[in-house]
C-alpha atoms as a PDB file:
ATOM      1  CA  UNK A   1      52.023  50.008  95.158  1.00  0.00           C
ATOM      2  CA  UNK A   2      53.765  50.060  99.000  1.00  0.00           C
ATOM      3  CA  UNK A   3      56.493  48.611  97.759  1.00  0.00           C
ATOM      4  CA  UNK A   4      57.282  51.325  95.116  1.00  0.00           C
ATOM      5  CA  UNK A   5      56.606  53.692  97.561  1.00  0.00           C
ATOM      6  CA  UNK A   6      59.244  51.937 100.276  1.00  0.00           C
ATOM      7  CA  UNK A   7      61.717  51.372  97.801  1.00  0.00           C
ATOM      8  CA  UNK A   8      61.493  55.463  96.943  1.00  0.00           C
ATOM      9  CA  UNK A   9      61.306  56.292 100.078  1.00  0.00           C
ATOM     10  CA  UNK A  10      64.612  54.583 100.877  1.00  0.00           C
ATOM     11  CA  UNK A  11      65.706  56.139  97.529  1.00  0.00           C
ATOM     12  CA  UNK A  12      65.321  59.332  99.059  1.00  0.00           C
ATOM     13  CA  UNK A  13      66.786  58.742 101.949  1.00  0.00           C
ATOM     14  CA  UNK A  14      70.321  57.041 101.035  1.00  0.00           C
ATOM     15  CA  UNK A  15      70.085  59.850  98.130  1.00  0.00           C
ATOM     16  CA  UNK A  16      70.059  62.899 101.543  1.00  0.00           C
ATOM     17  CA  UNK A  17      72.065  61.035 103.492  1.00  0.00           C
ATOM     18  CA  UNK A  18      74.755  61.182 100.560  1.00  0.00           C
ATOM     19  CA  UNK A  19      74.752  64.962 100.307  1.00  0.00           C
ATOM     20  CA  UNK A  20      74.643  65.132 104.502  1.00  0.00           C
ATOM     21  CA  UNK A  21      78.489  63.623 103.950  1.00  0.00           C
ATOM     22  CA  UNK A  22      79.703  66.540 101.115  1.00  0.00           C
ATOM     23  CA  UNK A  23      82.227  68.918 102.775  1.00  0.00           C
ATOM     24  CA  UNK A  24      82.035  72.828 102.509  1.00  0.00           C
ATOM     25  CA  UNK A  25      84.998  75.410 101.641  1.00  0.00           C
ATOM     26  CA  UNK A  26      87.126  74.247 104.705  1.00  0.00           C
ATOM     27  CA  UNK A  27      87.637  77.324 107.289  1.00  0.00           C
ATOM     28  CA  UNK A  28      91.404  78.856 106.900  1.00  0.00           C
ATOM     29  CA  UNK A  29      93.454  79.941 109.396  1.00  0.00           C
ATOM     30  CA  UNK A  30      91.854  83.512 110.827  1.00  0.00           C
ATOM     31  CA  UNK A  31      94.792  86.034 109.971  1.00  0.00           C
ATOM     32  CA  UNK A  32      97.832  87.050 112.110  1.00  0.00           C
ATOM     33  CA  UNK A  33      97.780  90.158 114.137  1.00  0.00           C
ATOM     34  CA  UNK A  34      99.239  92.487 111.803  1.00  0.00           C
ATOM     35  CA  UNK A  35     102.046  93.769 114.461  1.00  0.00           C
ATOM     36  CA  UNK A  36     103.475  97.088 115.731  1.00  0.00           C
ATOM     37  CA  UNK A  37     104.997  97.519 112.282  1.00  0.00           C
ATOM     38  CA  UNK A  38     101.838  97.401 110.193  1.00  0.00           C
ATOM     39  CA  UNK A  39     100.262  99.873 112.295  1.00  0.00           C
ATOM     40  CA  UNK A  40     103.011 102.028 112.080  1.00  0.00           C
ATOM     41  CA  UNK A  41     101.994 102.100 108.571  1.00  0.00           C
ATOM     42  CA  UNK A  42      98.456 102.579 108.587  1.00  0.00           C
ATOM     43  CA  UNK A  43      99.256 105.472 111.277  1.00  0.00           C
ATOM     44  CA  UNK A  44     101.535 106.815 108.716  1.00  0.00           C
ATOM     45  CA  UNK A  45      99.413 106.899 105.954  1.00  0.00           C
ATOM     46  CA  UNK A  46      97.006 108.698 108.951  1.00  0.00           C
ATOM     47  CA  UNK A  47      99.583 111.146 109.683  1.00  0.00           C
ATOM     48  CA  UNK A  48      98.563 112.758 106.182  1.00  0.00           C
ATOM     49  CA  UNK A  49      95.321 113.252 105.874  1.00  0.00           C
ATOM     50  CA  UNK A  50      93.777 116.848 105.640  1.00  0.00           C
ATOM     51  CA  UNK A  51      91.172 115.306 108.985  1.00  0.00           C
ATOM     52  CA  UNK A  52      94.170 115.039 110.940  1.00  0.00           C
ATOM     53  CA  UNK A  53      96.749 117.617 109.328  1.00  0.00           C
ATOM     54  CA  UNK A  54      94.236 120.370 109.954  1.00  0.00           C
ATOM     55  CA  UNK A  55      91.239 118.957 111.706  1.00  0.00           C
ATOM     56  CA  UNK A  56      89.764 122.596 112.536  1.00  0.00           C
ATOM     57  CA  UNK A  57      89.681 123.193 108.805  1.00  0.00           C
ATOM     58  CA  UNK A  58      87.907 120.101 107.504  1.00  0.00           C
ATOM     59  CA  UNK A  59      84.088 119.499 107.207  1.00  0.00           C
ATOM     60  CA  UNK A  60      82.879 117.031 109.471  1.00  0.00           C
ATOM     61  CA  UNK A  61      81.021 115.412 107.312  1.00  0.00           C
ATOM     62  CA  UNK A  62      84.267 115.046 104.197  1.00  0.00           C
ATOM     63  CA  UNK A  63      86.320 113.188 107.516  1.00  0.00           C
ATOM     64  CA  UNK A  64      83.633 110.120 107.510  1.00  0.00           C
ATOM     65  CA  UNK A  65      85.999 107.817 105.676  1.00  0.00           C
ATOM     66  CA  UNK A  66      88.705 108.755 107.984  1.00  0.00           C
ATOM     67  CA  UNK A  67      87.217 108.827 111.306  1.00  0.00           C
ATOM     68  CA  UNK A  68      86.235 104.831 110.606  1.00  0.00           C
ATOM     69  CA  UNK A  69      90.129 104.145 109.916  1.00  0.00           C
ATOM     70  CA  UNK A  70      91.021 105.970 113.384  1.00  0.00           C
ATOM     71  CA  UNK A  71      88.268 103.316 115.157  1.00  0.00           C
ATOM     72  CA  UNK A  72      90.131 100.115 113.505  1.00  0.00           C
ATOM     73  CA  UNK A  73      92.638 101.668 114.397  1.00  0.00           C
ATOM     74  CA  UNK A  74      92.573 101.608 118.283  1.00  0.00           C
ATOM     75  CA  UNK A  75      90.608  98.888 118.335  1.00  0.00           C
ATOM     76  CA  UNK A  76      94.573  97.410 116.495  1.00  0.00           C
ATOM     77  CA  UNK A  77      96.401  99.388 118.864  1.00  0.00           C
ATOM     78  CA  UNK A  78      94.494  98.488 122.000  1.00  0.00           C
ATOM     79  CA  UNK A  79      95.258  94.359 121.127  1.00  0.00           C
ATOM     80  CA  UNK A  80      99.178  95.622 120.768  1.00  0.00           C
ATOM     81  CA  UNK A  81      99.142  97.164 123.352  1.00  0.00           C
ATOM     82  CA  UNK A  82      98.052  94.172 125.679  1.00  0.00           C
ATOM     83  CA  UNK A  83      99.232  94.089 129.164  1.00  0.00           C
ATOM     84  CA  UNK A  84     102.614  95.759 128.614  1.00  0.00           C
ATOM     85  CA  UNK A  85     101.173  98.480 127.587  1.00  0.00           C
ATOM     86  CA  UNK A  86      98.655 100.403 129.079  1.00  0.00           C
ATOM     87  CA  UNK A  87      99.678 103.964 127.843  1.00  0.00           C
ATOM     88  CA  UNK A  88      99.386 103.186 124.772  1.00  0.00           C
ATOM     89  CA  UNK A  89      95.845 100.977 125.315  1.00  0.00           C
ATOM     90  CA  UNK A  90      94.718 104.600 127.154  1.00  0.00           C
ATOM     91  CA  UNK A  91      95.183 106.518 123.817  1.00  0.00           C
ATOM     92  CA  UNK A  92      93.208 104.586 122.071  1.00  0.00           C
ATOM     93  CA  UNK A  93      90.605 104.567 124.680  1.00  0.00           C
ATOM     94  CA  UNK A  94      91.143 108.849 124.049  1.00  0.00           C
ATOM     95  CA  UNK A  95      90.401 107.736 119.720  1.00  0.00           C
ATOM     96  CA  UNK A  96      87.758 106.031 120.852  1.00  0.00           C
ATOM     97  CA  UNK A  97      86.042 108.561 123.126  1.00  0.00           C
ATOM     98  CA  UNK A  98      86.196 111.049 120.306  1.00  0.00           C
ATOM     99  CA  UNK A  99      85.577 108.603 117.578  1.00  0.00           C
ATOM    100  CA  UNK A 100      81.859 108.117 119.629  1.00  0.00           C
ATOM    101  CA  UNK A 101      81.491 111.548 120.161  1.00  0.00           C
ATOM    102  CA  UNK A 102      82.077 112.056 116.513  1.00  0.00           C
ATOM    103  CA  UNK A 103      79.248 109.791 115.546  1.00  0.00           C
ATOM    104  CA  UNK A 104      76.773 109.871 118.327  1.00  0.00           C
ATOM    105  CA  UNK A 105      76.649 113.970 117.696  1.00  0.00           C
ATOM    106  CA  UNK A 106      76.138 112.863 114.221  1.00  0.00           C
ATOM    107  CA  UNK A 107      79.102 114.951 112.883  1.00  0.00           C
ATOM    108  CA  UNK A 108      78.760 112.385 109.896  1.00  0.00           C
ATOM    109  CA  UNK A 109      75.992 115.216 108.272  1.00  0.00           C
ATOM    110  CA  UNK A 110      77.627 118.583 109.603  1.00  0.00           C
ATOM    111  CA  UNK A 111      78.576 120.803 107.195  1.00  0.00           C
ATOM    112  CA  UNK A 112      80.808 123.741 109.323  1.00  0.00           C
ATOM    113  CA  UNK A 113      84.481 123.326 109.926  1.00  0.00           C
ATOM    114  CA  UNK A 114      85.524 123.591 113.831  1.00  0.00           C
ATOM    115  CA  UNK A 115      82.244 124.067 115.336  1.00  0.00           C
ATOM    116  CA  UNK A 116      81.064 122.232 118.578  1.00  0.00           C
ATOM    117  CA  UNK A 117      80.926 119.648 118.952  1.00  0.00           C
ATOM    118  CA  UNK A 118      82.232 118.087 116.202  1.00  0.00           C
ATOM    119  CA  UNK A 119      85.327 120.348 115.467  1.00  0.00           C
ATOM    120  CA  UNK A 120      86.603 119.140 118.889  1.00  0.00           C
ATOM    121  CA  UNK A 121      86.272 115.819 118.220  1.00  0.00           C
ATOM    122  CA  UNK A 122      88.341 115.433 114.990  1.00  0.00           C
ATOM    123  CA  UNK A 123      90.979 117.528 117.549  1.00  0.00           C
ATOM    124  CA  UNK A 124      90.922 115.184 120.012  1.00  0.00           C
ATOM    125  CA  UNK A 125      91.615 112.397 117.186  1.00  0.00           C
ATOM    126  CA  UNK A 126      94.329 113.919 115.933  1.00  0.00           C
ATOM    127  CA  UNK A 127      95.562 114.906 119.148  1.00  0.00           C
ATOM    128  CA  UNK A 128      95.028 110.598 120.149  1.00  0.00           C
ATOM    129  CA  UNK A 129      96.502 109.645 116.821  1.00  0.00           C
ATOM    130  CA  UNK A 130      99.497 111.427 117.314  1.00  0.00           C
ATOM    131  CA  UNK A 131      99.749 110.330 120.720  1.00  0.00           C
ATOM    132  CA  UNK A 132      99.728 106.664 119.684  1.00  0.00           C
ATOM    133  CA  UNK A 133     102.265 107.269 117.547  1.00  0.00           C
ATOM    134  CA  UNK A 134     104.509 108.456 119.758  1.00  0.00           C
ATOM    135  CA  UNK A 135     103.945 105.366 122.047  1.00  0.00           C
ATOM    136  CA  UNK A 136     104.051 103.112 119.238  1.00  0.00           C
ATOM    137  CA  UNK A 137     107.662 104.520 118.189  1.00  0.00           C
ATOM    138  CA  UNK A 138     109.381 104.168 121.644  1.00  0.00           C
ATOM    139  CA  UNK A 139     107.891 100.944 122.080  1.00  0.00           C
ATOM    140  CA  UNK A 140     109.218  99.754 119.130  1.00  0.00           C
ATOM    141  CA  UNK A 141     112.215 101.583 120.213  1.00  0.00           C
ATOM    142  CA  UNK A 142     112.971 100.225 123.118  1.00  0.00           C
ATOM    143  CA  UNK A 143     111.730  96.006 122.197  1.00  0.00           C
ATOM    144  CA  UNK A 144     113.942  96.470 118.930  1.00  0.00           C
END
């Protein structure tokens, strides 16, 4: 009986040891940062959104997807700014501040266009997005 238990235990150890050597999916390389051209395309797309064009006329709750895109845009702009373009980083900070106001004040549920603090937050987002677009265009013009 003891031999059977030892043999079964040995077989179990060998079986488990074999499993630990199996390779799972290999992690791929992280995607490279998209670069200023991709950011410019995204900014151009956001610039036709009604929440950008006429923020004072929009129900703030209808701009939630737009605001999420802007939060991601600020992150990308800050990465591109690095140490070479502190103005772009400052504009990304302004965009983040407006996005934070929108989120912290519950604007995703606000119905009334233009009322504080949600209407001004959307207007501030539009202004920051315009500034980021201009800064990026200027940066691309000087670097070729």
